C-alpha atoms as a PDB file:
ATOM      1  CA  UNK A   1     102.719 110.184  87.360  1.00  0.00           C
ATOM      2  CA  UNK A   2     100.275 107.281  87.738  1.00  0.00           C
ATOM      3  CA  UNK A   3      97.323 109.481  86.582  1.00  0.00           C
ATOM      4  CA  UNK A   4      99.228 109.670  83.102  1.00  0.00           C
ATOM      5  CA  UNK A   5      98.849 105.808  82.948  1.00  0.00           C
ATOM      6  CA  UNK A   6      95.613 105.058  85.198  1.00  0.00           C
ATOM      7  CA  UNK A   7      93.173 107.536  83.631  1.00  0.00           C
ATOM      8  CA  UNK A   8      93.851 107.111  79.882  1.00  0.00           C
ATOM      9  CA  UNK A   9      93.322 103.413  80.194  1.00  0.00           C
ATOM     10  CA  UNK A  10      90.476 103.560  82.456  1.00  0.00           C
ATOM     11  CA  UNK A  11      88.989 106.155  79.708  1.00  0.00           C
ATOM     12  CA  UNK A  12      89.679 103.660  76.920  1.00  0.00           C
ATOM     13  CA  UNK A  13      88.049 100.768  78.874  1.00  0.00           C
ATOM     14  CA  UNK A  14      84.854 102.814  79.332  1.00  0.00           C
ATOM     15  CA  UNK A  15      84.940 104.119  75.582  1.00  0.00           C
ATOM     16  CA  UNK A  16      85.142 100.429  74.392  1.00  0.00           C
ATOM     17  CA  UNK A  17      82.378  99.501  76.443  1.00  0.00           C
ATOM     18  CA  UNK A  18      79.961 101.980  75.754  1.00  0.00           C
ATOM     19  CA  UNK A  19      80.947 102.076  72.040  1.00  0.00           C
ATOM     20  CA  UNK A  20      80.165  98.227  71.945  1.00  0.00           C
ATOM     21  CA  UNK A  21      77.486  96.885  69.733  1.00  0.00           C
ATOM     22  CA  UNK A  22      75.342  94.705  71.894  1.00  0.00           C
ATOM     23  CA  UNK A  23      71.818  93.145  71.529  1.00  0.00           C
ATOM     24  CA  UNK A  24      70.962  94.061  75.002  1.00  0.00           C
ATOM     25  CA  UNK A  25      72.031  97.754  75.758  1.00  0.00           C
ATOM     26  CA  UNK A  26      70.999  97.116  79.290  1.00  0.00           C
ATOM     27  CA  UNK A  27      73.843  94.589  79.708  1.00  0.00           C
ATOM     28  CA  UNK A  28      76.174  97.666  80.069  1.00  0.00           C
ATOM     29  CA  UNK A  29      74.476  99.088  83.143  1.00  0.00           C
ATOM     30  CA  UNK A  30      75.777  96.689  86.013  1.00  0.00           C
ATOM     31  CA  UNK A  31      79.545  97.079  84.547  1.00  0.00           C
ATOM     32  CA  UNK A  32      79.381 100.715  84.252  1.00  0.00           C
ATOM     33  CA  UNK A  33      77.783 101.153  87.749  1.00  0.00           C
ATOM     34  CA  UNK A  34      80.478  99.011  89.161  1.00  0.00           C
ATOM     35  CA  UNK A  35      83.051 101.306  87.707  1.00  0.00           C
ATOM     36  CA  UNK A  36      81.287 104.595  89.055  1.00  0.00           C
ATOM     37  CA  UNK A  37      80.991 102.775  92.428  1.00  0.00           C
ATOM     38  CA  UNK A  38      84.858 102.035  92.423  1.00  0.00           C
ATOM     39  CA  UNK A  39      85.350 105.655  91.525  1.00  0.00           C
ATOM     40  CA  UNK A  40      83.114 106.818  94.419  1.00  0.00           C
ATOM     41  CA  UNK A  41      84.691 104.431  96.944  1.00  0.00           C
ATOM     42  CA  UNK A  42      88.384 105.796  95.964  1.00  0.00           C
ATOM     43  CA  UNK A  43      87.204 109.332  96.841  1.00  0.00           C
ATOM     44  CA  UNK A  44      85.524 108.169  99.963  1.00  0.00           C
ATOM     45  CA  UNK A  45      88.778 106.371 100.990  1.00  0.00           C
ATOM     46  CA  UNK A  46      90.942 109.607 100.508  1.00  0.00           C
ATOM     47  CA  UNK A  47      88.446 111.277 102.632  1.00  0.00           C
ATOM     48  CA  UNK A  48      88.191 108.480 105.361  1.00  0.00           C
ATOM     49  CA  UNK A  49      91.908 107.884 105.441  1.00  0.00           C
ATOM     50  CA  UNK A  50      93.524 111.065 104.940  1.00  0.00           C
ATOM     51  CA  UNK A  51      90.991 113.559 105.997  1.00  0.00           C
ATOM     52  CA  UNK A  52      89.286 111.961 108.792  1.00  0.00           C
ATOM     53  CA  UNK A  53      92.621 109.827 109.741  1.00  0.00           C
ATOM     54  CA  UNK A  54      90.553 106.725 110.648  1.00  0.00           C
ATOM     55  CA  UNK A  55      92.703 103.703 110.004  1.00  0.00           C
ATOM     56  CA  UNK A  56      90.231 101.112 110.531  1.00  0.00           C
ATOM     57  CA  UNK A  57      87.316 102.678 108.675  1.00  0.00           C
ATOM     58  CA  UNK A  58      89.721 103.535 105.744  1.00  0.00           C
ATOM     59  CA  UNK A  59      90.731  99.838 105.682  1.00  0.00           C
ATOM     60  CA  UNK A  60      87.045  98.740 105.409  1.00  0.00           C
ATOM     61  CA  UNK A  61      86.530 101.170 102.726  1.00  0.00           C
ATOM     62  CA  UNK A  62      89.683 100.214 100.590  1.00  0.00           C
ATOM     63  CA  UNK A  63      88.686  96.668 101.011  1.00  0.00           C
ATOM     64  CA  UNK A  64      85.348  97.455  99.334  1.00  0.00           C
ATOM     65  CA  UNK A  65      87.064  99.765  96.887  1.00  0.00           C
ATOM     66  CA  UNK A  66      89.509  96.959  95.895  1.00  0.00           C
ATOM     67  CA  UNK A  67      86.630  94.409  95.685  1.00  0.00           C
ATOM     68  CA  UNK A  68      84.489  96.637  93.310  1.00  0.00           C
ATOM     69  CA  UNK A  69      87.506  97.465  91.233  1.00  0.00           C
ATOM     70  CA  UNK A  70      88.320  93.852  90.321  1.00  0.00           C
ATOM     71  CA  UNK A  71      84.746  93.140  89.903  1.00  0.00           C
ATOM     72  CA  UNK A  72      84.284  96.070  87.356  1.00  0.00           C
ATOM     73  CA  UNK A  73      87.349  94.683  85.511  1.00  0.00           C
ATOM     74  CA  UNK A  74      85.705  91.321  85.303  1.00  0.00           C
ATOM     75  CA  UNK A  75      82.472  92.799  84.236  1.00  0.00           C
ATOM     76  CA  UNK A  76      84.022  94.745  81.602  1.00  0.00           C
ATOM     77  CA  UNK A  77      85.860  91.668  80.493  1.00  0.00           C
ATOM     78  CA  UNK A  78      82.626  89.969  79.919  1.00  0.00           C
ATOM     79  CA  UNK A  79      81.168  92.535  77.745  1.00  0.00           C
ATOM     80  CA  UNK A  80      84.588  93.232  75.762  1.00  0.00           C
ATOM     81  CA  UNK A  81      87.760  91.383  76.947  1.00  0.00           C
ATOM     82  CA  UNK A  82      89.942  94.404  75.734  1.00  0.00           C
ATOM     83  CA  UNK A  83      88.014  96.636  78.005  1.00  0.00           C
ATOM     84  CA  UNK A  84      88.821  94.552  80.995  1.00  0.00           C
ATOM     85  CA  UNK A  85      92.307  94.253  80.214  1.00  0.00           C
ATOM     86  CA  UNK A  86      92.512  97.756  80.207  1.00  0.00           C
ATOM     87  CA  UNK A  87      91.351  98.234  83.857  1.00  0.00           C
ATOM     88  CA  UNK A  88      94.204  95.885  84.896  1.00  0.00           C
ATOM     89  CA  UNK A  89      96.799  98.695  85.300  1.00  0.00           C
ATOM     90  CA  UNK A  90      94.327 100.357  88.018  1.00  0.00           C
ATOM     91  CA  UNK A  91      93.843  97.012  89.436  1.00  0.00           C
ATOM     92  CA  UNK A  92      97.722  96.367  89.755  1.00  0.00           C
ATOM     93  CA  UNK A  93      98.342  99.975  91.203  1.00  0.00           C
ATOM     94  CA  UNK A  94      95.684  99.422  94.005  1.00  0.00           C
END
């Protein structure tokens, strides 16, 4: 059920960010890198916590994931406030 809310809002946030006209196209690279990192850490957390059943390592990965997720929301907000707000449901879920 969560995917019905989470993925469309994430898609909309990324779409707003990449279609935004900016004088410096390189300004989008850091927010998008943070977003991709949060996706990678989310996948890593599933593998570490559920697959390997390592609670301590899982805690370390989820802490990094949570930090990068909030950072990406903030970086999206700096480029386009609406894009940043669209990541808040995902931040709230985690």
